[in-house]
PDB file of N, CA and C in Angstrom:
ATOM      1  N   MET A   1      99.298 201.395 151.823  1.00  0.00           N
ATOM      2  CA  MET A   1     100.442 200.523 151.599  1.00  0.00           C
ATOM      3  C   MET A   1     101.621 201.349 151.112  1.00  0.00           C
ATOM      4  N   ARG A   2     101.877 202.430 151.692  1.00  0.00           N
ATOM      5  CA  ARG A   2     102.998 203.270 151.279  1.00  0.00           C
ATOM      6  C   ARG A   2     104.332 202.720 151.760  1.00  0.00           C
ATOM      7  N   ARG A   3     104.307 201.758 152.676  1.00  0.00           N
ATOM      8  CA  ARG A   3     105.547 201.166 153.166  1.00  0.00           C
ATOM      9  C   ARG A   3     106.013 200.078 152.203  1.00  0.00           C
ATOM     10  N   ALA A   4     107.298 199.981 152.003  1.00  0.00           N
ATOM     11  CA  ALA A   4     107.852 199.002 151.078  1.00  0.00           C
ATOM     12  C   ALA A   4     107.989 197.613 151.712  1.00  0.00           C
ATOM     13  N   LYS A   5     108.002 197.533 153.039  1.00  0.00           N
ATOM     14  CA  LYS A   5     108.208 196.252 153.707  1.00  0.00           C
ATOM     15  C   LYS A   5     107.078 195.278 153.351  1.00  0.00           C
ATOM     16  N   GLY A   6     107.464 194.114 152.860  1.00  0.00           N
ATOM     17  CA  GLY A   6     106.494 193.089 152.517  1.00  0.00           C
ATOM     18  C   GLY A   6     105.842 193.264 151.162  1.00  0.00           C
ATOM     19  N   SER A   7     106.212 194.306 150.438  1.00  0.00           N
ATOM     20  CA  SER A   7     105.637 194.520 149.113  1.00  0.00           C
ATOM     21  C   SER A   7     106.682 194.235 148.043  1.00  0.00           C
ATOM     22  N   ARG A   8     106.206 194.118 146.822  1.00  0.00           N
ATOM     23  CA  ARG A   8     107.098 193.869 145.690  1.00  0.00           C
ATOM     24  C   ARG A   8     107.103 195.080 144.773  1.00  0.00           C
ATOM     25  N   ARG A   9     108.147 195.192 143.979  1.00  0.00           N
ATOM     26  CA  ARG A   9     108.359 196.348 143.103  1.00  0.00           C
ATOM     27  C   ARG A   9     108.048 195.972 141.662  1.00  0.00           C
ATOM     28  N   ILE A  10     107.405 196.895 140.941  1.00  0.00           N
ATOM     29  CA  ILE A  10     107.178 196.724 139.507  1.00  0.00           C
ATOM     30  C   ILE A  10     107.215 198.110 138.866  1.00  0.00           C
ATOM     31  N   VAL A  11     107.709 198.192 137.639  1.00  0.00           N
ATOM     32  CA  VAL A  11     107.731 199.448 136.899  1.00  0.00           C
ATOM     33  C   VAL A  11     106.821 199.288 135.691  1.00  0.00           C
ATOM     34  N   VAL A  12     105.843 200.191 135.577  1.00  0.00           N
ATOM     35  CA  VAL A  12     104.903 200.183 134.456  1.00  0.00           C
ATOM     36  C   VAL A  12     104.889 201.578 133.853  1.00  0.00           C
ATOM     37  N   ARG A  13     105.171 201.666 132.565  1.00  0.00           N
ATOM     38  CA  ARG A  13     105.219 202.943 131.834  1.00  0.00           C
ATOM     39  C   ARG A  13     106.112 203.969 132.532  1.00  0.00           C
ATOM     40  N   GLY A  14     107.244 203.501 133.036  1.00  0.00           N
ATOM     41  CA  GLY A  14     108.230 204.384 133.652  1.00  0.00           C
ATOM     42  C   GLY A  14     107.932 204.798 135.083  1.00  0.00           C
ATOM     43  N   VAL A  15     106.856 204.289 135.666  1.00  0.00           N
ATOM     44  CA  VAL A  15     106.505 204.629 137.049  1.00  0.00           C
ATOM     45  C   VAL A  15     106.703 203.396 137.923  1.00  0.00           C
ATOM     46  N   GLU A  16     107.395 203.581 139.038  1.00  0.00           N
ATOM     47  CA  GLU A  16     107.617 202.476 139.971  1.00  0.00           C
ATOM     48  C   GLU A  16     106.426 202.352 140.915  1.00  0.00           C
ATOM     49  N   TYR A  17     105.929 201.121 141.073  1.00  0.00           N
ATOM     50  CA  TYR A  17     104.826 200.818 141.979  1.00  0.00           C
ATOM     51  C   TYR A  17     105.289 199.789 142.998  1.00  0.00           C
ATOM     52  N   ARG A  18     104.642 199.764 144.148  1.00  0.00           N
ATOM     53  CA  ARG A  18     104.800 198.703 145.136  1.00  0.00           C
ATOM     54  C   ARG A  18     103.472 197.971 145.185  1.00  0.00           C
ATOM     55  N   TRP A  19     103.501 196.637 145.255  1.00  0.00           N
ATOM     56  CA  TRP A  19     102.256 195.875 145.255  1.00  0.00           C
ATOM     57  C   TRP A  19     102.335 194.691 146.196  1.00  0.00           C
ATOM     58  N   ARG A  20     101.173 194.204 146.613  1.00  0.00           N
ATOM     59  CA  ARG A  20     101.068 192.960 147.367  1.00  0.00           C
ATOM     60  C   ARG A  20      99.727 192.319 147.068  1.00  0.00           C
ATOM     61  N   ALA A  21      99.718 191.022 147.259  1.00  0.00           N
ATOM     62  CA  ALA A  21      98.504 190.236 147.079  1.00  0.00           C
ATOM     63  C   ALA A  21      98.279 189.420 148.340  1.00  0.00           C
ATOM     64  N   ARG A  22      96.998 189.232 148.682  1.00  0.00           N
ATOM     65  CA  ARG A  22      96.655 188.493 149.895  1.00  0.00           C
ATOM     66  C   ARG A  22      95.435 187.632 149.619  1.00  0.00           C
ATOM     67  N   GLY A  23      95.499 186.398 150.059  1.00  0.00           N
ATOM     68  CA  GLY A  23      94.364 185.506 149.921  1.00  0.00           C
ATOM     69  C   GLY A  23      93.343 185.763 151.002  1.00  0.00           C
ATOM     70  N   ASP A  24      92.096 185.851 150.621  1.00  0.00           N
ATOM     71  CA  ASP A  24      91.000 186.044 151.556  1.00  0.00           C
ATOM     72  C   ASP A  24      89.983 184.928 151.330  1.00  0.00           C
ATOM     73  N   ASP A  25      88.909 184.937 152.076  1.00  0.00           N
ATOM     74  CA  ASP A  25      87.861 183.927 151.910  1.00  0.00           C
ATOM     75  C   ASP A  25      87.185 184.097 150.559  1.00  0.00           C
ATOM     76  N   GLY A  26      87.473 183.193 149.636  1.00  0.00           N
ATOM     77  CA  GLY A  26      86.807 183.180 148.344  1.00  0.00           C
ATOM     78  C   GLY A  26      87.406 184.055 147.272  1.00  0.00           C
ATOM     79  N   TYR A  27      88.391 184.876 147.601  1.00  0.00           N
ATOM     80  CA  TYR A  27      88.987 185.733 146.588  1.00  0.00           C
ATOM     81  C   TYR A  27      90.401 186.140 146.989  1.00  0.00           C
ATOM     82  N   ILE A  28      91.121 186.703 146.030  1.00  0.00           N
ATOM     83  CA  ILE A  28      92.457 187.238 146.250  1.00  0.00           C
ATOM     84  C   ILE A  28      92.350 188.754 146.147  1.00  0.00           C
ATOM     85  N   SER A  29      92.863 189.467 147.114  1.00  0.00           N
ATOM     86  CA  SER A  29      92.869 190.926 147.023  1.00  0.00           C
ATOM     87  C   SER A  29      94.271 191.368 146.605  1.00  0.00           C
ATOM     88  N   VAL A  30      94.312 192.306 145.667  1.00  0.00           N
ATOM     89  CA  VAL A  30      95.573 192.825 145.134  1.00  0.00           C
ATOM     90  C   VAL A  30      95.554 194.340 145.309  1.00  0.00           C
ATOM     91  N   GLY A  31      96.652 194.887 145.822  1.00  0.00           N
ATOM     92  CA  GLY A  31      96.765 196.326 145.986  1.00  0.00           C
ATOM     93  C   GLY A  31      98.094 196.809 145.441  1.00  0.00           C
ATOM     94  N   ALA A  32      98.085 197.993 144.853  1.00  0.00           N
ATOM     95  CA  ALA A  32      99.309 198.587 144.304  1.00  0.00           C
ATOM     96  C   ALA A  32      99.213 200.099 144.428  1.00  0.00           C
ATOM     97  N   CYS A  33     100.358 200.722 144.593  1.00  0.00           N
ATOM     98  CA  CYS A  33     100.383 202.190 144.593  1.00  0.00           C
ATOM     99  C   CYS A  33     101.736 202.654 144.059  1.00  0.00           C
ATOM    100  N   PRO A  34     101.715 203.822 143.403  1.00  0.00           N
ATOM    101  CA  PRO A  34     102.986 204.355 142.910  1.00  0.00           C
ATOM    102  C   PRO A  34     103.894 204.689 144.084  1.00  0.00           C
ATOM    103  N   ASN A  35     105.154 204.489 143.882  1.00  0.00           N
ATOM    104  CA  ASN A  35     106.143 204.705 144.941  1.00  0.00           C
ATOM    105  C   ASN A  35     106.468 206.189 145.123  1.00  0.00           C
ATOM    106  N   ASN A  36     105.802 207.055 144.350  1.00  0.00           N
ATOM    107  CA  ASN A  36     106.092 208.486 144.444  1.00  0.00           C
ATOM    108  C   ASN A  36     105.388 209.168 145.616  1.00  0.00           C
ATOM    109  N   GLY A  37     104.522 208.442 146.342  1.00  0.00           N
ATOM    110  CA  GLY A  37     103.839 209.009 147.494  1.00  0.00           C
ATOM    111  C   GLY A  37     102.695 209.939 147.153  1.00  0.00           C
ATOM    112  N   VAL A  38     102.336 210.016 145.876  1.00  0.00           N
ATOM    113  CA  VAL A  38     101.295 210.945 145.447  1.00  0.00           C
ATOM    114  C   VAL A  38     100.076 210.206 144.911  1.00  0.00           C
ATOM    115  N   GLY A  39     100.280 209.326 143.959  1.00  0.00           N
ATOM    116  CA  GLY A  39      99.180 208.672 143.251  1.00  0.00           C
ATOM    117  C   GLY A  39      98.287 207.839 144.141  1.00  0.00           C
ATOM    118  N   ALA A  40      97.072 207.628 143.671  1.00  0.00           N
ATOM    119  CA  ALA A  40      96.059 206.883 144.416  1.00  0.00           C
ATOM    120  C   ALA A  40      96.412 205.402 144.512  1.00  0.00           C
ATOM    121  N   TYR A  41      95.964 204.797 145.586  1.00  0.00           N
ATOM    122  CA  TYR A  41      96.120 203.363 145.826  1.00  0.00           C
ATOM    123  C   TYR A  41      95.150 202.620 144.919  1.00  0.00           C
ATOM    124  N   LEU A  42      95.624 201.576 144.241  1.00  0.00           N
ATOM    125  CA  LEU A  42      94.787 200.734 143.386  1.00  0.00           C
ATOM    126  C   LEU A  42      94.425 199.465 144.140  1.00  0.00           C
ATOM    127  N   ARG A  43      93.164 199.072 144.053  1.00  0.00           N
ATOM    128  CA  ARG A  43      92.703 197.860 144.727  1.00  0.00           C
ATOM    129  C   ARG A  43      91.799 197.088 143.767  1.00  0.00           C
ATOM    130  N   CYS A  44      91.932 195.749 143.799  1.00  0.00           N
ATOM    131  CA  CYS A  44      91.036 194.898 143.018  1.00  0.00           C
ATOM    132  C   CYS A  44      90.974 193.523 143.657  1.00  0.00           C
ATOM    133  N   THR A  45      90.066 192.707 143.179  1.00  0.00           N
ATOM    134  CA  THR A  45      89.962 191.328 143.639  1.00  0.00           C
ATOM    135  C   THR A  45      89.937 190.395 142.443  1.00  0.00           C
ATOM    136  N   LEU A  46      90.317 189.156 142.707  1.00  0.00           N
ATOM    137  CA  LEU A  46      90.279 188.077 141.717  1.00  0.00           C
ATOM    138  C   LEU A  46      89.769 186.822 142.414  1.00  0.00           C
ATOM    139  N   ARG A  47      89.029 186.008 141.696  1.00  0.00           N
ATOM    140  CA  ARG A  47      88.658 184.711 142.253  1.00  0.00           C
ATOM    141  C   ARG A  47      89.868 183.787 142.133  1.00  0.00           C
ATOM    142  N   TYR A  48      89.854 182.695 142.871  1.00  0.00           N
ATOM    143  CA  TYR A  48      90.971 181.748 142.845  1.00  0.00           C
ATOM    144  C   TYR A  48      91.020 180.929 141.560  1.00  0.00           C
ATOM    145  N   HIS A  49      89.891 180.714 140.926  1.00  0.00           N
ATOM    146  CA  HIS A  49      89.797 179.928 139.689  1.00  0.00           C
ATOM    147  C   HIS A  49      90.377 178.525 139.843  1.00  0.00           C
ATOM    148  N   GLU A  50      90.132 177.900 141.003  1.00  0.00           N
ATOM    149  CA  GLU A  50      90.641 176.558 141.220  1.00  0.00           C
ATOM    150  C   GLU A  50      89.643 175.517 140.710  1.00  0.00           C
ATOM    151  N   THR A  51      90.142 174.323 140.502  1.00  0.00           N
ATOM    152  CA  THR A  51      89.319 173.198 140.074  1.00  0.00           C
ATOM    153  C   THR A  51      88.799 172.490 141.316  1.00  0.00           C
ATOM    154  N   TRP A  52      87.502 172.157 141.313  1.00  0.00           N
ATOM    155  CA  TRP A  52      86.904 171.442 142.439  1.00  0.00           C
ATOM    156  C   TRP A  52      86.689 169.993 142.054  1.00  0.00           C
ATOM    157  N   LEU A  53      87.108 169.084 142.931  1.00  0.00           N
ATOM    158  CA  LEU A  53      87.007 167.643 142.688  1.00  0.00           C
ATOM    159  C   LEU A  53      85.988 167.025 143.640  1.00  0.00           C
ATOM    160  N   ASP A  54      85.291 166.006 143.155  1.00  0.00           N
ATOM    161  CA  ASP A  54      84.318 165.296 143.978  1.00  0.00           C
ATOM    162  C   ASP A  54      85.067 164.377 144.942  1.00  0.00           C
ATOM    163  N   ALA A  55      84.845 164.593 146.238  1.00  0.00           N
ATOM    164  CA  ALA A  55      85.499 163.769 147.259  1.00  0.00           C
ATOM    165  C   ALA A  55      84.543 162.705 147.793  1.00  0.00           C
ATOM    166  N   GLY A  56      83.373 162.610 147.190  1.00  0.00           N
ATOM    167  CA  GLY A  56      82.379 161.624 147.613  1.00  0.00           C
ATOM    168  C   GLY A  56      81.421 162.184 148.648  1.00  0.00           C
ATOM    169  N   ALA A  57      80.271 161.576 148.734  1.00  0.00           N
ATOM    170  CA  ALA A  57      79.227 161.953 149.702  1.00  0.00           C
ATOM    171  C   ALA A  57      78.823 163.419 149.577  1.00  0.00           C
ATOM    172  N   GLY A  58      78.856 163.931 148.351  1.00  0.00           N
ATOM    173  CA  GLY A  58      78.448 165.317 148.126  1.00  0.00           C
ATOM    174  C   GLY A  58      79.451 166.357 148.583  1.00  0.00           C
ATOM    175  N   VAL A  59      80.661 165.946 148.877  1.00  0.00           N
ATOM    176  CA  VAL A  59      81.707 166.858 149.349  1.00  0.00           C
ATOM    177  C   VAL A  59      82.663 167.160 148.198  1.00  0.00           C
ATOM    178  N   LEU A  60      83.034 168.422 148.076  1.00  0.00           N
ATOM    179  CA  LEU A  60      84.010 168.839 147.067  1.00  0.00           C
ATOM    180  C   LEU A  60      85.296 169.257 147.753  1.00  0.00           C
ATOM    181  N   ARG A  61      86.424 169.054 147.064  1.00  0.00           N
ATOM    182  CA  ARG A  61      87.712 169.520 147.581  1.00  0.00           C
ATOM    183  C   ARG A  61      88.465 170.214 146.456  1.00  0.00           C
ATOM    184  N   SER A  62      89.262 171.173 146.843  1.00  0.00           N
ATOM    185  CA  SER A  62      90.032 171.930 145.866  1.00  0.00           C
ATOM    186  C   SER A  62      91.190 171.083 145.357  1.00  0.00           C
ATOM    187  N   ALA A  63      91.464 171.199 144.068  1.00  0.00           N
ATOM    188  CA  ALA A  63      92.601 170.500 143.477  1.00  0.00           C
ATOM    189  C   ALA A  63      93.909 171.238 143.771  1.00  0.00           C
ATOM    190  N   GLY A  64      93.827 172.420 144.372  1.00  0.00           N
ATOM    191  CA  GLY A  64      95.030 173.173 144.727  1.00  0.00           C
ATOM    192  C   GLY A  64      95.699 173.837 143.542  1.00  0.00           C
ATOM    193  N   ASP A  65      94.934 174.106 142.494  1.00  0.00           N
ATOM    194  CA  ASP A  65      95.519 174.680 141.280  1.00  0.00           C
ATOM    195  C   ASP A  65      95.067 176.125 141.047  1.00  0.00           C
ATOM    196  N   GLN A  66      94.902 176.894 142.106  1.00  0.00           N
ATOM    197  CA  GLN A  66      94.435 178.265 141.957  1.00  0.00           C
ATOM    198  C   GLN A  66      95.474 179.135 141.271  1.00  0.00           C
ATOM    199  N   ILE A  67      95.016 180.278 140.758  1.00  0.00           N
ATOM    200  CA  ILE A  67      95.937 181.181 140.077  1.00  0.00           C
ATOM    201  C   ILE A  67      96.914 181.781 141.084  1.00  0.00           C
ATOM    202  N   VAL A  68      98.074 182.153 140.581  1.00  0.00           N
ATOM    203  CA  VAL A  68      99.116 182.789 141.394  1.00  0.00           C
ATOM    204  C   VAL A  68      99.277 184.215 140.876  1.00  0.00           C
ATOM    205  N   VAL A  69      99.291 185.169 141.773  1.00  0.00           N
ATOM    206  CA  VAL A  69      99.468 186.566 141.373  1.00  0.00           C
ATOM    207  C   VAL A  69     100.949 186.782 141.101  1.00  0.00           C
ATOM    208  N   THR A  70     101.263 187.075 139.853  1.00  0.00           N
ATOM    209  CA  THR A  70     102.638 187.288 139.402  1.00  0.00           C
ATOM    210  C   THR A  70     102.807 188.740 138.963  1.00  0.00           C
ATOM    211  N   PRO A  71     104.043 189.195 138.762  1.00  0.00           N
ATOM    212  CA  PRO A  71     104.235 190.552 138.248  1.00  0.00           C
ATOM    213  C   PRO A  71     103.511 190.785 136.918  1.00  0.00           C
ATOM    214  N   GLY A  72     103.422 189.776 136.078  1.00  0.00           N
ATOM    215  CA  GLY A  72     102.702 189.929 134.815  1.00  0.00           C
ATOM    216  C   GLY A  72     101.229 190.226 135.019  1.00  0.00           C
ATOM    217  N   LEU A  73     100.631 189.584 135.996  1.00  0.00           N
ATOM    218  CA  LEU A  73      99.223 189.815 136.308  1.00  0.00           C
ATOM    219  C   LEU A  73      99.040 191.212 136.919  1.00  0.00           C
ATOM    220  N   VAL A  74      99.954 191.620 137.771  1.00  0.00           N
ATOM    221  CA  VAL A  74      99.893 192.958 138.366  1.00  0.00           C
ATOM    222  C   VAL A  74     100.060 194.018 137.279  1.00  0.00           C
ATOM    223  N   ARG A  75     100.929 193.759 136.315  1.00  0.00           N
ATOM    224  CA  ARG A  75     101.108 194.689 135.193  1.00  0.00           C
ATOM    225  C   ARG A  75      99.791 194.865 134.434  1.00  0.00           C
ATOM    226  N   GLN A  76      99.062 193.764 134.204  1.00  0.00           N
ATOM    227  CA  GLN A  76      97.753 193.842 133.540  1.00  0.00           C
ATOM    228  C   GLN A  76      96.781 194.705 134.345  1.00  0.00           C
ATOM    229  N   ILE A  77      96.794 194.550 135.660  1.00  0.00           N
ATOM    230  CA  ILE A  77      95.901 195.318 136.529  1.00  0.00           C
ATOM    231  C   ILE A  77      96.202 196.809 136.423  1.00  0.00           C
ATOM    232  N   ILE A  78      97.484 197.167 136.504  1.00  0.00           N
ATOM    233  CA  ILE A  78      97.873 198.580 136.432  1.00  0.00           C
ATOM    234  C   ILE A  78      97.569 199.147 135.048  1.00  0.00           C
ATOM    235  N   GLU A  79      97.874 198.397 133.998  1.00  0.00           N
ATOM    236  CA  GLU A  79      97.564 198.843 132.626  1.00  0.00           C
ATOM    237  C   GLU A  79      96.062 199.065 132.458  1.00  0.00           C
ATOM    238  N   HIS A  80      95.249 198.181 133.036  1.00  0.00           N
ATOM    239  CA  HIS A  80      93.788 198.345 132.968  1.00  0.00           C
ATOM    240  C   HIS A  80      93.369 199.649 133.657  1.00  0.00           C
ATOM    241  N   ALA A  81      93.937 199.933 134.822  1.00  0.00           N
ATOM    242  CA  ALA A  81      93.610 201.175 135.535  1.00  0.00           C
ATOM    243  C   ALA A  81      94.006 202.399 134.712  1.00  0.00           C
ATOM    244  N   LEU A  82      95.173 202.335 134.081  1.00  0.00           N
ATOM    245  CA  LEU A  82      95.658 203.463 133.285  1.00  0.00           C
ATOM    246  C   LEU A  82      94.784 203.725 132.068  1.00  0.00           C
ATOM    247  N   THR A  83      94.365 202.675 131.380  1.00  0.00           N
ATOM    248  CA  THR A  83      93.613 202.858 130.136  1.00  0.00           C
ATOM    249  C   THR A  83      92.109 202.955 130.347  1.00  0.00           C
ATOM    250  N   ALA A  84      91.519 202.038 131.093  1.00  0.00           N
ATOM    251  CA  ALA A  84      90.068 201.995 131.234  1.00  0.00           C
ATOM    252  C   ALA A  84      89.531 203.003 132.251  1.00  0.00           C
ATOM    253  N   HIS A  85      90.337 203.402 133.208  1.00  0.00           N
ATOM    254  CA  HIS A  85      89.873 204.308 134.268  1.00  0.00           C
ATOM    255  C   HIS A  85      90.606 205.642 134.265  1.00  0.00           C
ATOM    256  N   ASN A  86      91.424 205.884 133.243  1.00  0.00           N
ATOM    257  CA  ASN A  86      92.204 207.125 133.139  1.00  0.00           C
ATOM    258  C   ASN A  86      92.977 207.426 134.422  1.00  0.00           C
ATOM    259  N   TYR A  87      93.515 206.380 135.021  1.00  0.00           N
ATOM    260  CA  TYR A  87      94.287 206.521 136.256  1.00  0.00           C
ATOM    261  C   TYR A  87      95.564 207.307 135.982  1.00  0.00           C
ATOM    262  N   ASP A  88      95.843 208.284 136.829  1.00  0.00           N
ATOM    263  CA  ASP A  88      97.056 209.087 136.716  1.00  0.00           C
ATOM    264  C   ASP A  88      97.892 208.879 137.977  1.00  0.00           C
ATOM    265  N   PRO A  89      99.028 208.187 137.873  1.00  0.00           N
ATOM    266  CA  PRO A  89      99.848 207.925 139.058  1.00  0.00           C
ATOM    267  C   PRO A  89     100.509 209.171 139.638  1.00  0.00           C
ATOM    268  N   HIS A  90     100.415 210.299 138.917  1.00  0.00           N
ATOM    269  CA  HIS A  90     101.026 211.536 139.401  1.00  0.00           C
ATOM    270  C   HIS A  90      99.998 212.492 140.000  1.00  0.00           C
ATOM    271  N   ALA A  91      98.718 212.106 139.983  1.00  0.00           N
ATOM    272  CA  ALA A  91      97.659 212.951 140.558  1.00  0.00           C
ATOM    273  C   ALA A  91      97.337 212.471 141.963  1.00  0.00           C
ATOM    274  N   ARG A  92      97.171 213.402 142.862  1.00  0.00           N
ATOM    275  CA  ARG A  92      96.851 213.077 144.246  1.00  0.00           C
ATOM    276  C   ARG A  92      95.496 212.381 144.311  1.00  0.00           C
ATOM    277  N   GLY A  93      95.437 211.349 145.135  1.00  0.00           N
ATOM    278  CA  GLY A  93      94.185 210.622 145.298  1.00  0.00           C
ATOM    279  C   GLY A  93      94.284 209.644 146.445  1.00  0.00           C
ATOM    280  N   HIS A  94      93.129 209.099 146.848  1.00  0.00           N
ATOM    281  CA  HIS A  94      93.091 208.185 147.988  1.00  0.00           C
ATOM    282  C   HIS A  94      93.088 206.734 147.547  1.00  0.00           C
ATOM    283  N   GLU A  95      92.070 206.333 146.806  1.00  0.00           N
ATOM    284  CA  GLU A  95      91.961 204.931 146.407  1.00  0.00           C
ATOM    285  C   GLU A  95      91.095 204.808 145.154  1.00  0.00           C
ATOM    286  N   LEU A  96      91.499 203.888 144.276  1.00  0.00           N
ATOM    287  CA  LEU A  96      90.698 203.537 143.115  1.00  0.00           C
ATOM    288  C   LEU A  96      90.392 202.057 143.234  1.00  0.00           C
ATOM    289  N   ASN A  97      89.145 201.731 143.561  1.00  0.00           N
ATOM    290  CA  ASN A  97      88.734 200.334 143.690  1.00  0.00           C
ATOM    291  C   ASN A  97      88.247 199.860 142.325  1.00  0.00           C
ATOM    292  N   LEU A  98      88.995 198.946 141.723  1.00  0.00           N
ATOM    293  CA  LEU A  98      88.680 198.439 140.394  1.00  0.00           C
ATOM    294  C   LEU A  98      87.669 197.294 140.428  1.00  0.00           C
ATOM    295  N   GLY A  99      87.340 196.814 141.611  1.00  0.00           N
ATOM    296  CA  GLY A  99      86.381 195.716 141.743  1.00  0.00           C
ATOM    297  C   GLY A  99      86.997 194.389 141.337  1.00  0.00           C
ATOM    298  N   CYS A 100      86.138 193.453 140.968  1.00  0.00           N
ATOM    299  CA  CYS A 100      86.592 192.126 140.535  1.00  0.00           C
ATOM    300  C   CYS A 100      86.993 192.190 139.068  1.00  0.00           C
ATOM    301  N   LEU A 101      88.219 191.810 138.754  1.00  0.00           N
ATOM    302  CA  LEU A 101      88.741 191.934 137.381  1.00  0.00           C
ATOM    303  C   LEU A 101      88.831 190.595 136.648  1.00  0.00           C
ATOM    304  N   ASP A 102      88.100 189.589 137.092  1.00  0.00           N
ATOM    305  CA  ASP A 102      88.160 188.277 136.452  1.00  0.00           C
ATOM    306  C   ASP A 102      87.820 188.321 134.968  1.00  0.00           C
ATOM    307  N   SER A 103      86.847 189.118 134.587  1.00  0.00           N
ATOM    308  CA  SER A 103      86.417 189.155 133.192  1.00  0.00           C
ATOM    309  C   SER A 103      87.264 190.097 132.339  1.00  0.00           C
ATOM    310  N   VAL A 104      88.137 190.874 132.961  1.00  0.00           N
ATOM    311  CA  VAL A 104      88.937 191.865 132.255  1.00  0.00           C
ATOM    312  C   VAL A 104      90.342 191.356 131.938  1.00  0.00           C
ATOM    313  N   LEU A 105      90.929 190.608 132.852  1.00  0.00           N
ATOM    314  CA  LEU A 105      92.318 190.164 132.705  1.00  0.00           C
ATOM    315  C   LEU A 105      92.413 188.874 131.906  1.00  0.00           C
ATOM    316  N   ALA A 106      93.560 188.658 131.286  1.00  0.00           N
ATOM    317  CA  ALA A 106      93.823 187.424 130.540  1.00  0.00           C
ATOM    318  C   ALA A 106      94.300 186.357 131.522  1.00  0.00           C
ATOM    319  N   LEU A 107      93.347 185.620 132.081  1.00  0.00           N
ATOM    320  CA  LEU A 107      93.673 184.616 133.094  1.00  0.00           C
ATOM    321  C   LEU A 107      93.873 183.217 132.521  1.00  0.00           C
ATOM    322  N   ALA A 108      93.587 183.026 131.243  1.00  0.00           N
ATOM    323  CA  ALA A 108      93.712 181.700 130.636  1.00  0.00           C
ATOM    324  C   ALA A 108      95.147 181.173 130.730  1.00  0.00           C
ATOM    325  N   ASN A 109      96.122 182.061 130.644  1.00  0.00           N
ATOM    326  CA  ASN A 109      97.522 181.665 130.695  1.00  0.00           C
ATOM    327  C   ASN A 109      98.169 181.997 132.034  1.00  0.00           C
ATOM    328  N   ALA A 110      97.354 182.280 133.058  1.00  0.00           N
ATOM    329  CA  ALA A 110      97.897 182.636 134.365  1.00  0.00           C
ATOM    330  C   ALA A 110      98.645 181.448 134.976  1.00  0.00           C
ATOM    331  N   VAL A 111      99.671 181.744 135.746  1.00  0.00           N
ATOM    332  CA  VAL A 111     100.422 180.724 136.450  1.00  0.00           C
ATOM    333  C   VAL A 111      99.502 180.110 137.494  1.00  0.00           C
ATOM    334  N   ARG A 112      99.583 178.799 137.642  1.00  0.00           N
ATOM    335  CA  ARG A 112      98.737 178.086 138.593  1.00  0.00           C
ATOM    336  C   ARG A 112      99.599 177.380 139.629  1.00  0.00           C
ATOM    337  N   ALA A 113      99.114 177.361 140.853  1.00  0.00           N
ATOM    338  CA  ALA A 113      99.798 176.658 141.932  1.00  0.00           C
ATOM    339  C   ALA A 113      99.657 175.154 141.698  1.00  0.00           C
ATOM    340  N   ARG A 114     100.593 174.394 142.250  1.00  0.00           N
ATOM    341  CA  ARG A 114     100.513 172.937 142.181  1.00  0.00           C
ATOM    342  C   ARG A 114     100.560 172.390 143.576  1.00  0.00           C
ATOM    343  N   ARG A 115      99.679 171.461 143.830  1.00  0.00           N
ATOM    344  CA  ARG A 115      99.665 170.820 145.142  1.00  0.00           C
ATOM    345  C   ARG A 115     100.892 169.913 145.238  1.00  0.00           C
ATOM    346  N   THR A 116     101.612 170.002 146.343  1.00  0.00           N
ATOM    347  CA  THR A 116     102.827 169.182 146.504  1.00  0.00           C
ATOM    348  C   THR A 116     102.579 168.010 147.392  1.00  0.00           C
TER     349      THR A 116
END
């Protein structure tokens, strides 16, 4: 994801990163990399954390209140990589897969989508 098209910009600890989030089946994938062209690509996943409602006859439907990936959430992801994984945005590398970060990030106050 070294291209800026379609990505968003964030600065963490004086380093500019480009990031994007994409919804997949059952999870959200988030990727970020420093804009310096050197540091490793960061990748992680998050569950949607949506509420499921009973639609009758044993069928469940989503309430449409899943978490929204915001710059604040991306900042938490990058900070986690820097502290817990000794990530260095100035060291050459390919990819650092952080796995599922649901238990690591503060999601209790995460922004939630609203069904319109």
